[in-house]
Amino acid sequence: MPINPEGLATTPTFFAVHPDGAGLARIGELVAGGIVTAVPVRPLPLAEAAAAHRLVEAGGMGEKIILHP
């Protein structure tokens, strides 16, 4: 287990993903069924990396930032 679950509200579950259609379809089913929740994503251009860093430092976003070229 990559992290110690002691003191957490629930026991985390970890998935190893291989790039195959069946595995990705199964993950899609888990997300669609509400069993696995996906974190919201905010894509930003790489040119806005400094602004993205400020957003993360400010905290409270509730989403992941992905920088793209």
PDB file of N, CA and C in Angstrom:
ATOM      1  N   MET A   1       0.860  -1.170   0.000  1.00  0.00           N
ATOM      2  CA  MET A   1       0.000   0.000   0.000  1.00  0.00           C
ATOM      3  C   MET A   1       0.912   1.241   0.000  1.00  0.00           C
ATOM      4  N   PRO A   2       0.735   2.153  -0.950  1.00  0.00           N
ATOM      5  CA  PRO A   2       1.612   3.317  -1.059  1.00  0.00           C
ATOM      6  C   PRO A   2       1.524   4.298   0.107  1.00  0.00           C
ATOM      7  N   ILE A   3       0.383   4.336   0.821  1.00  0.00           N
ATOM      8  CA  ILE A   3       0.253   5.227   1.970  1.00  0.00           C
ATOM      9  C   ILE A   3      -0.280   4.439   3.153  1.00  0.00           C
ATOM     10  N   ASN A   4       0.006   4.930   4.336  1.00  0.00           N
ATOM     11  CA  ASN A   4      -0.490   4.299   5.554  1.00  0.00           C
ATOM     12  C   ASN A   4      -1.954   4.702   5.755  1.00  0.00           C
ATOM     13  N   PRO A   5      -2.894   3.756   5.751  1.00  0.00           N
ATOM     14  CA  PRO A   5      -4.305   4.104   5.882  1.00  0.00           C
ATOM     15  C   PRO A   5      -4.737   4.422   7.318  1.00  0.00           C
ATOM     16  N   GLU A   6      -3.826   4.274   8.274  1.00  0.00           N
ATOM     17  CA  GLU A   6      -4.180   4.524   9.676  1.00  0.00           C
ATOM     18  C   GLU A   6      -4.631   5.974   9.853  1.00  0.00           C
ATOM     19  N   GLY A   7      -5.796   6.146  10.463  1.00  0.00           N
ATOM     20  CA  GLY A   7      -6.321   7.475  10.741  1.00  0.00           C
ATOM     21  C   GLY A   7      -7.150   8.066   9.609  1.00  0.00           C
ATOM     22  N   LEU A   8      -7.229   7.395   8.467  1.00  0.00           N
ATOM     23  CA  LEU A   8      -8.045   7.896   7.365  1.00  0.00           C
ATOM     24  C   LEU A   8      -9.506   7.509   7.585  1.00  0.00           C
ATOM     25  N   ALA A   9     -10.412   8.286   7.032  1.00  0.00           N
ATOM     26  CA  ALA A   9     -11.841   8.008   7.193  1.00  0.00           C
ATOM     27  C   ALA A   9     -12.246   6.708   6.504  1.00  0.00           C
ATOM     28  N   THR A  10     -11.598   6.385   5.408  1.00  0.00           N
ATOM     29  CA  THR A  10     -11.871   5.146   4.690  1.00  0.00           C
ATOM     30  C   THR A  10     -10.550   4.535   4.250  1.00  0.00           C
ATOM     31  N   THR A  11     -10.584   3.272   3.909  1.00  0.00           N
ATOM     32  CA  THR A  11      -9.387   2.608   3.414  1.00  0.00           C
ATOM     33  C   THR A  11      -9.259   2.882   1.919  1.00  0.00           C
ATOM     34  N   PRO A  12      -8.145   3.463   1.484  1.00  0.00           N
ATOM     35  CA  PRO A  12      -7.990   3.752   0.065  1.00  0.00           C
ATOM     36  C   PRO A  12      -7.847   2.483  -0.759  1.00  0.00           C
ATOM     37  N   THR A  13      -8.272   2.566  -2.004  1.00  0.00           N
ATOM     38  CA  THR A  13      -8.114   1.479  -2.955  1.00  0.00           C
ATOM     39  C   THR A  13      -7.248   1.996  -4.098  1.00  0.00           C
ATOM     40  N   PHE A  14      -6.273   1.215  -4.496  1.00  0.00           N
ATOM     41  CA  PHE A  14      -5.359   1.627  -5.549  1.00  0.00           C
ATOM     42  C   PHE A  14      -5.516   0.713  -6.752  1.00  0.00           C
ATOM     43  N   PHE A  15      -5.428   1.289  -7.935  1.00  0.00           N
ATOM     44  CA  PHE A  15      -5.554   0.545  -9.176  1.00  0.00           C
ATOM     45  C   PHE A  15      -4.281   0.698  -9.993  1.00  0.00           C
ATOM     46  N   ALA A  16      -3.816  -0.391 -10.551  1.00  0.00           N
ATOM     47  CA  ALA A  16      -2.735  -0.336 -11.529  1.00  0.00           C
ATOM     48  C   ALA A  16      -3.400  -0.427 -12.894  1.00  0.00           C
ATOM     49  N   VAL A  17      -3.088   0.516 -13.755  1.00  0.00           N
ATOM     50  CA  VAL A  17      -3.751   0.579 -15.049  1.00  0.00           C
ATOM     51  C   VAL A  17      -2.755   0.261 -16.152  1.00  0.00           C
ATOM     52  N   HIS A  18      -3.168  -0.613 -17.036  1.00  0.00           N
ATOM     53  CA  HIS A  18      -2.397  -0.936 -18.228  1.00  0.00           C
ATOM     54  C   HIS A  18      -3.206  -0.452 -19.417  1.00  0.00           C
ATOM     55  N   PRO A  19      -2.558   0.053 -20.452  1.00  0.00           N
ATOM     56  CA  PRO A  19      -3.304   0.606 -21.584  1.00  0.00           C
ATOM     57  C   PRO A  19      -3.982  -0.463 -22.438  1.00  0.00           C
ATOM     58  N   ASP A  20      -5.036  -1.052 -21.913  1.00  0.00           N
ATOM     59  CA  ASP A  20      -5.790  -2.014 -22.703  1.00  0.00           C
ATOM     60  C   ASP A  20      -7.275  -1.648 -22.632  1.00  0.00           C
ATOM     61  N   GLY A  21      -7.991  -1.943 -23.685  1.00  0.00           N
ATOM     62  CA  GLY A  21      -9.391  -1.553 -23.793  1.00  0.00           C
ATOM     63  C   GLY A  21     -10.272  -2.101 -22.698  1.00  0.00           C
ATOM     64  N   ALA A  22     -10.075  -3.360 -22.323  1.00  0.00           N
ATOM     65  CA  ALA A  22     -10.929  -3.977 -21.306  1.00  0.00           C
ATOM     66  C   ALA A  22     -10.741  -3.298 -19.949  1.00  0.00           C
ATOM     67  N   GLY A  23      -9.509  -3.036 -19.587  1.00  0.00           N
ATOM     68  CA  GLY A  23      -9.238  -2.382 -18.306  1.00  0.00           C
ATOM     69  C   GLY A  23      -9.781  -0.968 -18.262  1.00  0.00           C
ATOM     70  N   LEU A  24      -9.593  -0.225 -19.352  1.00  0.00           N
ATOM     71  CA  LEU A  24     -10.096   1.137 -19.395  1.00  0.00           C
ATOM     72  C   LEU A  24     -11.623   1.154 -19.399  1.00  0.00           C
ATOM     73  N   ALA A  25     -12.243   0.182 -20.065  1.00  0.00           N
ATOM     74  CA  ALA A  25     -13.708   0.086 -20.043  1.00  0.00           C
ATOM     75  C   ALA A  25     -14.205  -0.176 -18.631  1.00  0.00           C
ATOM     76  N   ARG A  26     -13.509  -1.025 -17.893  1.00  0.00           N
ATOM     77  CA  ARG A  26     -13.899  -1.329 -16.511  1.00  0.00           C
ATOM     78  C   ARG A  26     -13.805  -0.091 -15.631  1.00  0.00           C
ATOM     79  N   ILE A  27     -12.745   0.680 -15.805  1.00  0.00           N
ATOM     80  CA  ILE A  27     -12.620   1.925 -15.031  1.00  0.00           C
ATOM     81  C   ILE A  27     -13.759   2.870 -15.387  1.00  0.00           C
ATOM     82  N   GLY A  28     -14.102   2.955 -16.660  1.00  0.00           N
ATOM     83  CA  GLY A  28     -15.232   3.783 -17.080  1.00  0.00           C
ATOM     84  C   GLY A  28     -16.528   3.349 -16.420  1.00  0.00           C
ATOM     85  N   GLU A  29     -16.725   2.043 -16.315  1.00  0.00           N
ATOM     86  CA  GLU A  29     -17.923   1.526 -15.647  1.00  0.00           C
ATOM     87  C   GLU A  29     -17.941   1.911 -14.172  1.00  0.00           C
ATOM     88  N   LEU A  30     -16.790   1.829 -13.513  1.00  0.00           N
ATOM     89  CA  LEU A  30     -16.716   2.184 -12.097  1.00  0.00           C
ATOM     90  C   LEU A  30     -17.008   3.665 -11.881  1.00  0.00           C
ATOM     91  N   VAL A  31     -16.491   4.510 -12.764  1.00  0.00           N
ATOM     92  CA  VAL A  31     -16.760   5.951 -12.659  1.00  0.00           C
ATOM     93  C   VAL A  31     -18.235   6.216 -12.937  1.00  0.00           C
ATOM     94  N   ALA A  32     -18.779   5.621 -14.004  1.00  0.00           N
ATOM     95  CA  ALA A  32     -20.189   5.829 -14.358  1.00  0.00           C
ATOM     96  C   ALA A  32     -21.123   5.336 -13.251  1.00  0.00           C
ATOM     97  N   GLY A  33     -20.740   4.277 -12.551  1.00  0.00           N
ATOM     98  CA  GLY A  33     -21.559   3.734 -11.473  1.00  0.00           C
ATOM     99  C   GLY A  33     -21.390   4.455 -10.144  1.00  0.00           C
ATOM    100  N   GLY A  34     -20.512   5.454 -10.106  1.00  0.00           N
ATOM    101  CA  GLY A  34     -20.302   6.213  -8.884  1.00  0.00           C
ATOM    102  C   GLY A  34     -19.448   5.499  -7.851  1.00  0.00           C
ATOM    103  N   ILE A  35     -18.850   4.371  -8.240  1.00  0.00           N
ATOM    104  CA  ILE A  35     -18.001   3.623  -7.308  1.00  0.00           C
ATOM    105  C   ILE A  35     -16.637   4.290  -7.179  1.00  0.00           C
ATOM    106  N   VAL A  36     -16.153   4.807  -8.281  1.00  0.00           N
ATOM    107  CA  VAL A  36     -14.892   5.555  -8.302  1.00  0.00           C
ATOM    108  C   VAL A  36     -15.235   6.972  -8.736  1.00  0.00           C
ATOM    109  N   THR A  37     -14.757   7.947  -7.986  1.00  0.00           N
ATOM    110  CA  THR A  37     -15.023   9.332  -8.351  1.00  0.00           C
ATOM    111  C   THR A  37     -13.796   9.925  -9.034  1.00  0.00           C
ATOM    112  N   ALA A  38     -14.052  10.690 -10.049  1.00  0.00           N
ATOM    113  CA  ALA A  38     -12.980  11.358 -10.774  1.00  0.00           C
ATOM    114  C   ALA A  38     -12.859  12.791 -10.264  1.00  0.00           C
ATOM    115  N   VAL A  39     -11.637  13.238 -10.108  1.00  0.00           N
ATOM    116  CA  VAL A  39     -11.385  14.602  -9.659  1.00  0.00           C
ATOM    117  C   VAL A  39     -11.598  15.544 -10.845  1.00  0.00           C
ATOM    118  N   PRO A  40     -12.315  16.661 -10.644  1.00  0.00           N
ATOM    119  CA  PRO A  40     -12.472  17.620 -11.738  1.00  0.00           C
ATOM    120  C   PRO A  40     -11.113  18.140 -12.201  1.00  0.00           C
ATOM    121  N   VAL A  41     -11.024  18.441 -13.483  1.00  0.00           N
ATOM    122  CA  VAL A  41      -9.764  18.879 -14.085  1.00  0.00           C
ATOM    123  C   VAL A  41      -9.953  20.249 -14.712  1.00  0.00           C
ATOM    124  N   ARG A  42      -8.942  21.096 -14.554  1.00  0.00           N
ATOM    125  CA  ARG A  42      -8.926  22.395 -15.230  1.00  0.00           C
ATOM    126  C   ARG A  42      -7.710  22.427 -16.147  1.00  0.00           C
ATOM    127  N   PRO A  43      -7.900  22.243 -17.461  1.00  0.00           N
ATOM    128  CA  PRO A  43      -6.756  22.322 -18.377  1.00  0.00           C
ATOM    129  C   PRO A  43      -6.379  23.781 -18.630  1.00  0.00           C
ATOM    130  N   LEU A  44      -5.100  24.056 -18.591  1.00  0.00           N
ATOM    131  CA  LEU A  44      -4.591  25.399 -18.869  1.00  0.00           C
ATOM    132  C   LEU A  44      -3.403  25.289 -19.814  1.00  0.00           C
ATOM    133  N   PRO A  45      -3.209  26.295 -20.669  1.00  0.00           N
ATOM    134  CA  PRO A  45      -2.036  26.262 -21.535  1.00  0.00           C
ATOM    135  C   PRO A  45      -0.753  26.449 -20.716  1.00  0.00           C
ATOM    136  N   LEU A  46       0.319  25.863 -21.194  1.00  0.00           N
ATOM    137  CA  LEU A  46       1.611  25.942 -20.507  1.00  0.00           C
ATOM    138  C   LEU A  46       2.022  27.395 -20.274  1.00  0.00           C
ATOM    139  N   ALA A  47       1.627  28.275 -21.159  1.00  0.00           N
ATOM    140  CA  ALA A  47       1.963  29.698 -21.019  1.00  0.00           C
ATOM    141  C   ALA A  47       1.371  30.291 -19.736  1.00  0.00           C
ATOM    142  N   GLU A  48       0.370  29.632 -19.160  1.00  0.00           N
ATOM    143  CA  GLU A  48      -0.254  30.121 -17.923  1.00  0.00           C
ATOM    144  C   GLU A  48       0.230  29.350 -16.687  1.00  0.00           C
ATOM    145  N   ALA A  49       1.421  28.773 -16.768  1.00  0.00           N
ATOM    146  CA  ALA A  49       1.958  27.980 -15.661  1.00  0.00           C
ATOM    147  C   ALA A  49       2.088  28.799 -14.383  1.00  0.00           C
ATOM    148  N   ALA A  50       2.520  30.047 -14.502  1.00  0.00           N
ATOM    149  CA  ALA A  50       2.668  30.882 -13.301  1.00  0.00           C
ATOM    150  C   ALA A  50       1.308  31.122 -12.645  1.00  0.00           C
ATOM    151  N   ALA A  51       0.291  31.396 -13.452  1.00  0.00           N
ATOM    152  CA  ALA A  51      -1.056  31.608 -12.909  1.00  0.00           C
ATOM    153  C   ALA A  51      -1.577  30.321 -12.275  1.00  0.00           C
ATOM    154  N   ALA A  52      -1.294  29.187 -12.907  1.00  0.00           N
ATOM    155  CA  ALA A  52      -1.713  27.896 -12.354  1.00  0.00           C
ATOM    156  C   ALA A  52      -1.067  27.660 -10.998  1.00  0.00           C
ATOM    157  N   HIS A  53       0.198  28.003 -10.891  1.00  0.00           N
ATOM    158  CA  HIS A  53       0.913  27.829  -9.620  1.00  0.00           C
ATOM    159  C   HIS A  53       0.274  28.691  -8.541  1.00  0.00           C
ATOM    160  N   ARG A  54      -0.089  29.915  -8.881  1.00  0.00           N
ATOM    161  CA  ARG A  54      -0.742  30.792  -7.894  1.00  0.00           C
ATOM    162  C   ARG A  54      -2.086  30.214  -7.448  1.00  0.00           C
ATOM    163  N   LEU A  55      -2.846  29.626  -8.385  1.00  0.00           N
ATOM    164  CA  LEU A  55      -4.125  29.008  -8.029  1.00  0.00           C
ATOM    165  C   LEU A  55      -3.924  27.863  -7.037  1.00  0.00           C
ATOM    166  N   VAL A  56      -2.926  27.030  -7.303  1.00  0.00           N
ATOM    167  CA  VAL A  56      -2.659  25.897  -6.419  1.00  0.00           C
ATOM    168  C   VAL A  56      -2.216  26.383  -5.048  1.00  0.00           C
ATOM    169  N   GLU A  57      -1.323  27.375  -5.024  1.00  0.00           N
ATOM    170  CA  GLU A  57      -0.849  27.906  -3.743  1.00  0.00           C
ATOM    171  C   GLU A  57      -1.980  28.515  -2.925  1.00  0.00           C
ATOM    172  N   ALA A  58      -2.962  29.123  -3.586  1.00  0.00           N
ATOM    173  CA  ALA A  58      -4.073  29.750  -2.875  1.00  0.00           C
ATOM    174  C   ALA A  58      -4.954  28.705  -2.194  1.00  0.00           C
ATOM    175  N   GLY A  59      -4.958  27.479  -2.740  1.00  0.00           N
ATOM    176  CA  GLY A  59      -5.715  26.390  -2.125  1.00  0.00           C
ATOM    177  C   GLY A  59      -7.206  26.479  -2.379  1.00  0.00           C
ATOM    178  N   GLY A  60      -7.905  25.437  -1.947  1.00  0.00           N
ATOM    179  CA  GLY A  60      -9.352  25.400  -2.021  1.00  0.00           C
ATOM    180  C   GLY A  60      -9.934  25.191  -3.405  1.00  0.00           C
ATOM    181  N   MET A  61      -9.125  24.727  -4.358  1.00  0.00           N
ATOM    182  CA  MET A  61      -9.618  24.587  -5.735  1.00  0.00           C
ATOM    183  C   MET A  61     -10.569  23.415  -5.901  1.00  0.00           C
ATOM    184  N   GLY A  62     -10.259  22.277  -5.306  1.00  0.00           N
ATOM    185  CA  GLY A  62     -11.085  21.095  -5.475  1.00  0.00           C
ATOM    186  C   GLY A  62     -10.967  20.459  -6.849  1.00  0.00           C
ATOM    187  N   GLU A  63      -9.951  20.841  -7.593  1.00  0.00           N
ATOM    188  CA  GLU A  63      -9.734  20.265  -8.921  1.00  0.00           C
ATOM    189  C   GLU A  63      -8.244  20.185  -9.217  1.00  0.00           C
ATOM    190  N   LYS A  64      -7.899  19.379 -10.187  1.00  0.00           N
ATOM    191  CA  LYS A  64      -6.520  19.240 -10.629  1.00  0.00           C
ATOM    192  C   LYS A  64      -6.286  20.174 -11.802  1.00  0.00           C
ATOM    193  N   ILE A  65      -5.071  20.694 -11.900  1.00  0.00           N
ATOM    194  CA  ILE A  65      -4.689  21.515 -13.045  1.00  0.00           C
ATOM    195  C   ILE A  65      -3.783  20.671 -13.933  1.00  0.00           C
ATOM    196  N   ILE A  66      -4.093  20.675 -15.221  1.00  0.00           N
ATOM    197  CA  ILE A  66      -3.250  20.011 -16.205  1.00  0.00           C
ATOM    198  C   ILE A  66      -2.763  21.064 -17.169  1.00  0.00           C
ATOM    199  N   LEU A  67      -1.445  21.185 -17.285  1.00  0.00           N
ATOM    200  CA  LEU A  67      -0.864  22.131 -18.239  1.00  0.00           C
ATOM    201  C   LEU A  67      -0.626  21.408 -19.556  1.00  0.00           C
ATOM    202  N   HIS A  68      -0.996  22.054 -20.652  1.00  0.00           N
ATOM    203  CA  HIS A  68      -0.781  21.461 -21.966  1.00  0.00           C
ATOM    204  C   HIS A  68      -0.029  22.442 -22.858  1.00  0.00           C
ATOM    205  N   PRO A  69       0.750  21.909 -23.805  1.00  0.00           N
ATOM    206  CA  PRO A  69       1.559  22.800 -24.675  1.00  0.00           C
ATOM    207  C   PRO A  69       0.691  23.631 -25.614  1.00  0.00           C
TER     208      PRO A  69
END
